[in-house]
Amino acid sequence: FTFSTYVIEWYRQPPGKERELVARESHWTNYANG
């Protein structure tokens, strides 16, 4: 797919917990608390 046109995010799922957003990269970057 056309990678450059997509928003890219990293998520993580700790043991026994729900998946959570870690960071987002589009036109700017965002990070989860901590």
PDB file of all heavy atoms in Angstrom:
ATOM      1  N   PHE A   1       0.847  -1.185   0.000  1.00  0.00           N
ATOM      2  CA  PHE A   1       0.000   0.000   0.000  1.00  0.00           C
ATOM      3  C   PHE A   1       0.887   1.242   0.000  1.00  0.00           C
ATOM      4  O   PHE A   1       2.098   1.142   0.180  1.00  0.00           O
ATOM      5  CB  PHE A   1      -0.959   0.003   1.202  1.00  0.00           C
ATOM      6  CG  PHE A   1      -0.282   0.044   2.556  1.00  0.00           C
ATOM      7  CD1 PHE A   1      -0.164   1.241   3.249  1.00  0.00           C
ATOM      8  CD2 PHE A   1       0.216  -1.119   3.143  1.00  0.00           C
ATOM      9  CE1 PHE A   1       0.452   1.277   4.502  1.00  0.00           C
ATOM     10  CE2 PHE A   1       0.830  -1.091   4.383  1.00  0.00           C
ATOM     11  CZ  PHE A   1       0.948   0.115   5.066  1.00  0.00           C
ATOM     12  N   THR A   2       0.262   2.408  -0.219  1.00  0.00           N
ATOM     13  CA  THR A   2       1.016   3.658  -0.327  1.00  0.00           C
ATOM     14  C   THR A   2       1.318   4.169   1.079  1.00  0.00           C
ATOM     15  O   THR A   2       0.598   4.984   1.645  1.00  0.00           O
ATOM     16  CB  THR A   2       0.234   4.689  -1.137  1.00  0.00           C
ATOM     17  OG1 THR A   2      -0.188   4.104  -2.373  1.00  0.00           O
ATOM     18  CG2 THR A   2       1.100   5.907  -1.428  1.00  0.00           C
ATOM     19  N   PHE A   3       2.418   3.706   1.607  1.00  0.00           N
ATOM     20  CA  PHE A   3       2.795   3.928   3.008  1.00  0.00           C
ATOM     21  C   PHE A   3       2.786   5.406   3.388  1.00  0.00           C
ATOM     22  O   PHE A   3       2.300   5.774   4.465  1.00  0.00           O
ATOM     23  CB  PHE A   3       4.184   3.334   3.222  1.00  0.00           C
ATOM     24  CG  PHE A   3       4.764   3.553   4.585  1.00  0.00           C
ATOM     25  CD1 PHE A   3       4.350   2.797   5.666  1.00  0.00           C
ATOM     26  CD2 PHE A   3       5.742   4.513   4.788  1.00  0.00           C
ATOM     27  CE1 PHE A   3       4.892   2.984   6.925  1.00  0.00           C
ATOM     28  CE2 PHE A   3       6.299   4.709   6.038  1.00  0.00           C
ATOM     29  CZ  PHE A   3       5.873   3.943   7.109  1.00  0.00           C
ATOM     30  N   SER A   4       3.297   6.260   2.515  1.00  0.00           N
ATOM     31  CA  SER A   4       3.482   7.669   2.868  1.00  0.00           C
ATOM     32  C   SER A   4       2.169   8.402   3.113  1.00  0.00           C
ATOM     33  O   SER A   4       2.158   9.468   3.728  1.00  0.00           O
ATOM     34  CB  SER A   4       4.273   8.386   1.774  1.00  0.00           C
ATOM     35  OG  SER A   4       3.565   8.341   0.556  1.00  0.00           O
ATOM     36  N   THR A   5       1.061   7.853   2.647  1.00  0.00           N
ATOM     37  CA  THR A   5      -0.233   8.531   2.792  1.00  0.00           C
ATOM     38  C   THR A   5      -1.013   8.061   4.017  1.00  0.00           C
ATOM     39  O   THR A   5      -2.137   8.507   4.238  1.00  0.00           O
ATOM     40  CB  THR A   5      -1.098   8.324   1.541  1.00  0.00           C
ATOM     41  OG1 THR A   5      -1.431   6.926   1.423  1.00  0.00           O
ATOM     42  CG2 THR A   5      -0.373   8.787   0.290  1.00  0.00           C
ATOM     43  N   TYR A   6      -0.449   7.162   4.786  1.00  0.00           N
ATOM     44  CA  TYR A   6      -1.134   6.589   5.938  1.00  0.00           C
ATOM     45  C   TYR A   6      -0.626   7.182   7.253  1.00  0.00           C
ATOM     46  O   TYR A   6       0.561   7.484   7.397  1.00  0.00           O
ATOM     47  CB  TYR A   6      -0.932   5.069   5.979  1.00  0.00           C
ATOM     48  CG  TYR A   6      -1.851   4.304   5.060  1.00  0.00           C
ATOM     49  CD1 TYR A   6      -1.806   4.481   3.682  1.00  0.00           C
ATOM     50  CD2 TYR A   6      -2.773   3.404   5.570  1.00  0.00           C
ATOM     51  CE1 TYR A   6      -2.657   3.787   2.843  1.00  0.00           C
ATOM     52  CE2 TYR A   6      -3.630   2.692   4.752  1.00  0.00           C
ATOM     53  CZ  TYR A   6      -3.562   2.891   3.378  1.00  0.00           C
ATOM     54  OH  TYR A   6      -4.410   2.201   2.550  1.00  0.00           O
ATOM     55  N   VAL A   7      -1.536   7.293   8.197  1.00  0.00           N
ATOM     56  CA  VAL A   7      -1.166   7.574   9.578  1.00  0.00           C
ATOM     57  C   VAL A   7      -0.604   6.280  10.173  1.00  0.00           C
ATOM     58  O   VAL A   7      -1.199   5.201  10.003  1.00  0.00           O
ATOM     59  CB  VAL A   7      -2.384   8.041  10.397  1.00  0.00           C
ATOM     60  CG1 VAL A   7      -2.018   8.165  11.883  1.00  0.00           C
ATOM     61  CG2 VAL A   7      -2.914   9.357   9.859  1.00  0.00           C
ATOM     62  N   ILE A   8       0.525   6.391  10.856  1.00  0.00           N
ATOM     63  CA  ILE A   8       1.166   5.221  11.448  1.00  0.00           C
ATOM     64  C   ILE A   8       1.126   5.354  12.971  1.00  0.00           C
ATOM     65  O   ILE A   8       1.429   6.419  13.513  1.00  0.00           O
ATOM     66  CB  ILE A   8       2.623   5.087  10.992  1.00  0.00           C
ATOM     67  CG1 ILE A   8       2.703   5.045   9.468  1.00  0.00           C
ATOM     68  CG2 ILE A   8       3.244   3.832  11.602  1.00  0.00           C
ATOM     69  CD1 ILE A   8       1.995   3.865   8.838  1.00  0.00           C
ATOM     70  N   GLU A   9       0.770   4.285  13.612  1.00  0.00           N
ATOM     71  CA  GLU A   9       0.699   4.276  15.067  1.00  0.00           C
ATOM     72  C   GLU A   9       1.375   3.016  15.608  1.00  0.00           C
ATOM     73  O   GLU A   9       1.418   1.986  14.936  1.00  0.00           O
ATOM     74  CB  GLU A   9      -0.757   4.306  15.536  1.00  0.00           C
ATOM     75  CG  GLU A   9      -1.489   5.562  15.116  1.00  0.00           C
ATOM     76  CD  GLU A   9      -2.972   5.524  15.455  1.00  0.00           C
ATOM     77  OE1 GLU A   9      -3.559   4.419  15.430  1.00  0.00           O
ATOM     78  OE2 GLU A   9      -3.544   6.592  15.731  1.00  0.00           O
ATOM     79  N   TRP A  10       1.871   3.149  16.818  1.00  0.00           N
ATOM     80  CA  TRP A  10       2.339   1.985  17.576  1.00  0.00           C
ATOM     81  C   TRP A  10       1.382   1.799  18.757  1.00  0.00           C
ATOM     82  O   TRP A  10       1.035   2.776  19.445  1.00  0.00           O
ATOM     83  CB  TRP A  10       3.751   2.188  18.103  1.00  0.00           C
ATOM     84  CG  TRP A  10       4.813   2.028  17.082  1.00  0.00           C
ATOM     85  CD1 TRP A  10       5.432   3.005  16.365  1.00  0.00           C
ATOM     86  CD2 TRP A  10       5.411   0.804  16.649  1.00  0.00           C
ATOM     87  NE1 TRP A  10       6.356   2.479  15.521  1.00  0.00           N
ATOM     88  CE2 TRP A  10       6.374   1.118  15.673  1.00  0.00           C
ATOM     89  CE3 TRP A  10       5.227  -0.539  16.998  1.00  0.00           C
ATOM     90  CZ2 TRP A  10       7.151   0.155  15.032  1.00  0.00           C
ATOM     91  CZ3 TRP A  10       6.003  -1.506  16.367  1.00  0.00           C
ATOM     92  CH2 TRP A  10       6.956  -1.158  15.398  1.00  0.00           C
ATOM     93  N   TYR A  11       0.981   0.569  18.968  1.00  0.00           N
ATOM     94  CA  TYR A  11       0.157   0.183  20.103  1.00  0.00           C
ATOM     95  C   TYR A  11       0.918  -0.875  20.910  1.00  0.00           C
ATOM     96  O   TYR A  11       1.881  -1.481  20.425  1.00  0.00           O
ATOM     97  CB  TYR A  11      -1.171  -0.428  19.638  1.00  0.00           C
ATOM     98  CG  TYR A  11      -2.157   0.548  19.082  1.00  0.00           C
ATOM     99  CD1 TYR A  11      -2.023   1.041  17.782  1.00  0.00           C
ATOM    100  CD2 TYR A  11      -3.235   0.985  19.851  1.00  0.00           C
ATOM    101  CE1 TYR A  11      -2.941   1.944  17.264  1.00  0.00           C
ATOM    102  CE2 TYR A  11      -4.151   1.885  19.345  1.00  0.00           C
ATOM    103  CZ  TYR A  11      -4.009   2.352  18.060  1.00  0.00           C
ATOM    104  OH  TYR A  11      -4.911   3.251  17.553  1.00  0.00           O
ATOM    105  N   ARG A  12       0.438  -1.109  22.104  1.00  0.00           N
ATOM    106  CA  ARG A  12       0.966  -2.216  22.883  1.00  0.00           C
ATOM    107  C   ARG A  12      -0.149  -2.843  23.711  1.00  0.00           C
ATOM    108  O   ARG A  12      -1.152  -2.191  24.026  1.00  0.00           O
ATOM    109  CB  ARG A  12       2.107  -1.768  23.793  1.00  0.00           C
ATOM    110  CG  ARG A  12       1.692  -0.891  24.949  1.00  0.00           C
ATOM    111  CD  ARG A  12       2.915  -0.446  25.735  1.00  0.00           C
ATOM    112  NE  ARG A  12       2.551   0.293  26.931  1.00  0.00           N
ATOM    113  CZ  ARG A  12       3.438   0.856  27.741  1.00  0.00           C
ATOM    114  NH1 ARG A  12       4.752   0.764  27.476  1.00  0.00           N
ATOM    115  NH2 ARG A  12       3.039   1.497  28.821  1.00  0.00           N
ATOM    116  N   GLN A  13       0.030  -4.099  24.051  1.00  0.00           N
ATOM    117  CA  GLN A  13      -0.927  -4.804  24.886  1.00  0.00           C
ATOM    118  C   GLN A  13      -0.172  -5.510  26.001  1.00  0.00           C
ATOM    119  O   GLN A  13       0.456  -6.554  25.789  1.00  0.00           O
ATOM    120  CB  GLN A  13      -1.732  -5.816  24.076  1.00  0.00           C
ATOM    121  CG  GLN A  13      -2.856  -6.445  24.885  1.00  0.00           C
ATOM    122  CD  GLN A  13      -3.883  -7.121  23.993  1.00  0.00           C
ATOM    123  OE1 GLN A  13      -3.642  -7.379  22.814  1.00  0.00           O
ATOM    124  NE2 GLN A  13      -5.046  -7.404  24.548  1.00  0.00           N
ATOM    125  N   PRO A  14      -0.209  -4.924  27.204  1.00  0.00           N
ATOM    126  CA  PRO A  14       0.440  -5.565  28.347  1.00  0.00           C
ATOM    127  C   PRO A  14      -0.299  -6.846  28.735  1.00  0.00           C
ATOM    128  O   PRO A  14      -1.491  -7.000  28.410  1.00  0.00           O
ATOM    129  CB  PRO A  14       0.349  -4.515  29.456  1.00  0.00           C
ATOM    130  CG  PRO A  14       0.076  -3.222  28.751  1.00  0.00           C
ATOM    131  CD  PRO A  14      -0.726  -3.602  27.547  1.00  0.00           C
ATOM    132  N   PRO A  15       0.340  -7.735  29.435  1.00  0.00           N
ATOM    133  CA  PRO A  15      -0.314  -8.987  29.837  1.00  0.00           C
ATOM    134  C   PRO A  15      -1.587  -8.722  30.631  1.00  0.00           C
ATOM    135  O   PRO A  15      -1.582  -7.956  31.599  1.00  0.00           O
ATOM    136  CB  PRO A  15       0.737  -9.675  30.714  1.00  0.00           C
ATOM    137  CG  PRO A  15       2.024  -9.069  30.332  1.00  0.00           C
ATOM    138  CD  PRO A  15       1.730  -7.677  29.885  1.00  0.00           C
ATOM    139  N   GLY A  16      -2.683  -9.315  30.206  1.00  0.00           N
ATOM    140  CA  GLY A  16      -3.950  -9.200  30.915  1.00  0.00           C
ATOM    141  C   GLY A  16      -4.646  -7.870  30.770  1.00  0.00           C
ATOM    142  O   GLY A  16      -5.650  -7.620  31.461  1.00  0.00           O
ATOM    143  N   LYS A  17      -4.150  -7.003  29.888  1.00  0.00           N
ATOM    144  CA  LYS A  17      -4.742  -5.678  29.726  1.00  0.00           C
ATOM    145  C   LYS A  17      -5.159  -5.451  28.277  1.00  0.00           C
ATOM    146  O   LYS A  17      -4.816  -6.221  27.380  1.00  0.00           O
ATOM    147  CB  LYS A  17      -3.757  -4.598  30.168  1.00  0.00           C
ATOM    148  CG  LYS A  17      -3.383  -4.667  31.636  1.00  0.00           C
ATOM    149  CD  LYS A  17      -2.489  -3.514  32.030  1.00  0.00           C
ATOM    150  CE  LYS A  17      -2.148  -3.561  33.511  1.00  0.00           C
ATOM    151  NZ  LYS A  17      -1.272  -2.425  33.915  1.00  0.00           N
ATOM    152  N   GLU A  18      -5.879  -4.344  28.059  1.00  0.00           N
ATOM    153  CA  GLU A  18      -6.324  -4.019  26.710  1.00  0.00           C
ATOM    154  C   GLU A  18      -5.190  -3.349  25.917  1.00  0.00           C
ATOM    155  O   GLU A  18      -4.253  -2.787  26.487  1.00  0.00           O
ATOM    156  CB  GLU A  18      -7.540  -3.089  26.780  1.00  0.00           C
ATOM    157  CG  GLU A  18      -8.763  -3.752  27.379  1.00  0.00           C
ATOM    158  CD  GLU A  18      -9.992  -2.877  27.280  1.00  0.00           C
ATOM    159  OE1 GLU A  18      -9.860  -1.698  26.895  1.00  0.00           O
ATOM    160  OE2 GLU A  18     -11.090  -3.371  27.608  1.00  0.00           O
ATOM    161  N   ARG A  19      -5.345  -3.411  24.623  1.00  0.00           N
ATOM    162  CA  ARG A  19      -4.391  -2.750  23.747  1.00  0.00           C
ATOM    163  C   ARG A  19      -4.497  -1.231  23.922  1.00  0.00           C
ATOM    164  O   ARG A  19      -5.592  -0.681  24.023  1.00  0.00           O
ATOM    165  CB  ARG A  19      -4.665  -3.140  22.293  1.00  0.00           C
ATOM    166  CG  ARG A  19      -3.559  -2.809  21.329  1.00  0.00           C
ATOM    167  CD  ARG A  19      -3.833  -3.393  19.970  1.00  0.00           C
ATOM    168  NE  ARG A  19      -3.851  -4.859  20.006  1.00  0.00           N
ATOM    169  CZ  ARG A  19      -3.936  -5.630  18.918  1.00  0.00           C
ATOM    170  NH1 ARG A  19      -4.011  -5.065  17.727  1.00  0.00           N
ATOM    171  NH2 ARG A  19      -3.948  -6.939  19.028  1.00  0.00           N
ATOM    172  N   GLU A  20      -3.342  -0.566  23.945  1.00  0.00           N
ATOM    173  CA  GLU A  20      -3.332   0.866  24.157  1.00  0.00           C
ATOM    174  C   GLU A  20      -2.403   1.551  23.162  1.00  0.00           C
ATOM    175  O   GLU A  20      -1.414   0.964  22.714  1.00  0.00           O
ATOM    176  CB  GLU A  20      -2.880   1.195  25.593  1.00  0.00           C
ATOM    177  CG  GLU A  20      -1.485   0.709  25.935  1.00  0.00           C
ATOM    178  CD  GLU A  20      -1.103   0.942  27.390  1.00  0.00           C
ATOM    179  OE1 GLU A  20      -1.966   1.345  28.194  1.00  0.00           O
ATOM    180  OE2 GLU A  20       0.078   0.709  27.720  1.00  0.00           O
ATOM    181  N   LEU A  21      -2.742   2.796  22.851  1.00  0.00           N
ATOM    182  CA  LEU A  21      -1.924   3.579  21.935  1.00  0.00           C
ATOM    183  C   LEU A  21      -0.631   4.004  22.615  1.00  0.00           C
ATOM    184  O   LEU A  21      -0.653   4.453  23.761  1.00  0.00           O
ATOM    185  CB  LEU A  21      -2.697   4.803  21.460  1.00  0.00           C
ATOM    186  CG  LEU A  21      -1.964   5.751  20.519  1.00  0.00           C
ATOM    187  CD1 LEU A  21      -1.701   5.084  19.176  1.00  0.00           C
ATOM    188  CD2 LEU A  21      -2.772   7.034  20.336  1.00  0.00           C
ATOM    189  N   VAL A  22       0.471   3.888  21.890  1.00  0.00           N
ATOM    190  CA  VAL A  22       1.769   4.337  22.384  1.00  0.00           C
ATOM    191  C   VAL A  22       2.162   5.651  21.731  1.00  0.00           C
ATOM    192  O   VAL A  22       2.525   6.611  22.409  1.00  0.00           O
ATOM    193  CB  VAL A  22       2.852   3.265  22.109  1.00  0.00           C
ATOM    194  CG1 VAL A  22       4.237   3.794  22.468  1.00  0.00           C
ATOM    195  CG2 VAL A  22       2.542   1.979  22.858  1.00  0.00           C
ATOM    196  N   ALA A  23       2.095   5.695  20.392  1.00  0.00           N
ATOM    197  CA  ALA A  23       2.530   6.885  19.665  1.00  0.00           C
ATOM    198  C   ALA A  23       1.889   6.908  18.291  1.00  0.00           C
ATOM    199  O   ALA A  23       1.537   5.862  17.738  1.00  0.00           O
ATOM    200  CB  ALA A  23       4.053   6.899  19.532  1.00  0.00           C
ATOM    201  N   ARG A  24       1.753   8.100  17.744  1.00  0.00           N
ATOM    202  CA  ARG A  24       1.158   8.308  16.429  1.00  0.00           C
ATOM    203  C   ARG A  24       2.044   9.222  15.615  1.00  0.00           C
ATOM    204  O   ARG A  24       2.571  10.210  16.138  1.00  0.00           O
ATOM    205  CB  ARG A  24      -0.225   8.916  16.557  1.00  0.00           C
ATOM    206  CG  ARG A  24      -0.871   9.315  15.231  1.00  0.00           C
ATOM    207  CD  ARG A  24      -2.204   9.989  15.451  1.00  0.00           C
ATOM    208  NE  ARG A  24      -3.179   9.090  16.038  1.00  0.00           N
ATOM    209  CZ  ARG A  24      -3.733   9.296  17.229  1.00  0.00           C
ATOM    210  NH1 ARG A  24      -3.399  10.349  17.953  1.00  0.00           N
ATOM    211  NH2 ARG A  24      -4.616   8.432  17.689  1.00  0.00           N
ATOM    212  N   GLU A  25       2.190   8.923  14.345  1.00  0.00           N
ATOM    213  CA  GLU A  25       2.974   9.755  13.435  1.00  0.00           C
ATOM    214  C   GLU A  25       2.154  10.006  12.171  1.00  0.00           C
ATOM    215  O   GLU A  25       1.834   9.093  11.434  1.00  0.00           O
ATOM    216  CB  GLU A  25       4.292   9.061  13.081  1.00  0.00           C
ATOM    217  CG  GLU A  25       5.463   9.993  12.798  1.00  0.00           C
ATOM    218  CD  GLU A  25       5.379  10.680  11.445  1.00  0.00           C
ATOM    219  OE1 GLU A  25       4.725  10.144  10.539  1.00  0.00           O
ATOM    220  OE2 GLU A  25       6.011  11.749  11.280  1.00  0.00           O
ATOM    221  N   SER A  26       1.782  11.265  11.966  1.00  0.00           N
ATOM    222  CA  SER A  26       1.128  11.641  10.713  1.00  0.00           C
ATOM    223  C   SER A  26       1.851  12.887  10.217  1.00  0.00           C
ATOM    224  O   SER A  26       2.996  12.805   9.794  1.00  0.00           O
ATOM    225  CB  SER A  26      -0.365  11.847  10.916  1.00  0.00           C
ATOM    226  OG  SER A  26      -0.607  12.793  11.907  1.00  0.00           O
ATOM    227  N   HIS A  27       1.198  14.038  10.292  1.00  0.00           N
ATOM    228  CA  HIS A  27       1.896  15.289   9.993  1.00  0.00           C
ATOM    229  C   HIS A  27       2.615  15.803  11.236  1.00  0.00           C
ATOM    230  O   HIS A  27       3.404  16.733  11.159  1.00  0.00           O
ATOM    231  CB  HIS A  27       0.920  16.339   9.495  1.00  0.00           C
ATOM    232  CG  HIS A  27       0.283  15.945   8.190  1.00  0.00           C
ATOM    233  ND1 HIS A  27       0.986  15.834   7.015  1.00  0.00           N
ATOM    234  CD2 HIS A  27      -0.992  15.623   7.894  1.00  0.00           C
ATOM    235  CE1 HIS A  27       0.168  15.473   6.040  1.00  0.00           C
ATOM    236  NE2 HIS A  27      -1.035  15.325   6.552  1.00  0.00           N
ATOM    237  N   TRP A  28       2.290  15.218  12.346  1.00  0.00           N
ATOM    238  CA  TRP A  28       2.946  15.542  13.611  1.00  0.00           C
ATOM    239  C   TRP A  28       3.013  14.258  14.418  1.00  0.00           C
ATOM    240  O   TRP A  28       2.456  13.234  14.023  1.00  0.00           O
ATOM    241  CB  TRP A  28       2.191  16.640  14.360  1.00  0.00           C
ATOM    242  CG  TRP A  28       0.748  16.315  14.565  1.00  0.00           C
ATOM    243  CD1 TRP A  28       0.195  15.566  15.551  1.00  0.00           C
ATOM    244  CD2 TRP A  28      -0.356  16.715  13.722  1.00  0.00           C
ATOM    245  NE1 TRP A  28      -1.159  15.467  15.377  1.00  0.00           N
ATOM    246  CE2 TRP A  28      -1.536  16.160  14.292  1.00  0.00           C
ATOM    247  CE3 TRP A  28      -0.454  17.470  12.567  1.00  0.00           C
ATOM    248  CZ2 TRP A  28      -2.795  16.355  13.718  1.00  0.00           C
ATOM    249  CZ3 TRP A  28      -1.708  17.665  12.013  1.00  0.00           C
ATOM    250  CH2 TRP A  28      -2.857  17.116  12.583  1.00  0.00           C
ATOM    251  N   THR A  29       3.659  14.311  15.544  1.00  0.00           N
ATOM    252  CA  THR A  29       3.739  13.129  16.392  1.00  0.00           C
ATOM    253  C   THR A  29       2.999  13.369  17.700  1.00  0.00           C
ATOM    254  O   THR A  29       2.938  14.496  18.211  1.00  0.00           O
ATOM    255  CB  THR A  29       5.196  12.766  16.704  1.00  0.00           C
ATOM    256  OG1 THR A  29       5.828  13.870  17.349  1.00  0.00           O
ATOM    257  CG2 THR A  29       5.963  12.425  15.440  1.00  0.00           C
ATOM    258  N   ASN A  30       2.422  12.313  18.219  1.00  0.00           N
ATOM    259  CA  ASN A  30       1.735  12.340  19.505  1.00  0.00           C
ATOM    260  C   ASN A  30       2.151  11.108  20.292  1.00  0.00           C
ATOM    261  O   ASN A  30       2.368  10.047  19.714  1.00  0.00           O
ATOM    262  CB  ASN A  30       0.211  12.325  19.316  1.00  0.00           C
ATOM    263  CG  ASN A  30      -0.312  13.536  18.608  1.00  0.00           C
ATOM    264  OD1 ASN A  30      -0.514  13.516  17.406  1.00  0.00           O
ATOM    265  ND2 ASN A  30      -0.519  14.613  19.350  1.00  0.00           N
ATOM    266  N   TYR A  31       2.194  11.292  21.605  1.00  0.00           N
ATOM    267  CA  TYR A  31       2.574  10.195  22.475  1.00  0.00           C
ATOM    268  C   TYR A  31       1.577  10.050  23.610  1.00  0.00           C
ATOM    269  O   TYR A  31       1.023  11.039  24.090  1.00  0.00           O
ATOM    270  CB  TYR A  31       3.967  10.432  23.074  1.00  0.00           C
ATOM    271  CG  TYR A  31       5.060  10.490  22.045  1.00  0.00           C
ATOM    272  CD1 TYR A  31       5.444  11.699  21.479  1.00  0.00           C
ATOM    273  CD2 TYR A  31       5.699   9.329  21.624  1.00  0.00           C
ATOM    274  CE1 TYR A  31       6.430  11.755  20.519  1.00  0.00           C
ATOM    275  CE2 TYR A  31       6.695   9.375  20.662  1.00  0.00           C
ATOM    276  CZ  TYR A  31       7.054  10.591  20.120  1.00  0.00           C
ATOM    277  OH  TYR A  31       8.041  10.632  19.160  1.00  0.00           O
ATOM    278  N   ALA A  32       1.379   8.819  24.039  1.00  0.00           N
ATOM    279  CA  ALA A  32       0.536   8.582  25.204  1.00  0.00           C
ATOM    280  C   ALA A  32       1.258   9.068  26.454  1.00  0.00           C
ATOM    281  O   ALA A  32       2.489   9.240  26.469  1.00  0.00           O
ATOM    282  CB  ALA A  32       0.238   7.092  25.320  1.00  0.00           C
ATOM    283  N   ASN A  33       0.458   9.300  27.492  1.00  0.00           N
ATOM    284  CA  ASN A  33       1.045   9.744  28.759  1.00  0.00           C
ATOM    285  C   ASN A  33       2.091   8.741  29.235  1.00  0.00           C
ATOM    286  O   ASN A  33       1.883   7.539  29.205  1.00  0.00           O
ATOM    287  CB  ASN A  33      -0.053   9.881  29.810  1.00  0.00           C
ATOM    288  CG  ASN A  33      -0.971  11.059  29.529  1.00  0.00           C
ATOM    289  OD1 ASN A  33      -0.581  11.992  28.843  1.00  0.00           O
ATOM    290  ND2 ASN A  33      -2.179  10.989  30.039  1.00  0.00           N
ATOM    291  N   GLY A  34       3.204   9.269  29.662  1.00  0.00           N
ATOM    292  CA  GLY A  34       4.270   8.415  30.173  1.00  0.00           C
ATOM    293  C   GLY A  34       5.251   7.933  29.123  1.00  0.00           C
ATOM    294  O   GLY A  34       6.273   7.339  29.448  1.00  0.00           O
TER     295      GLY A  34
END
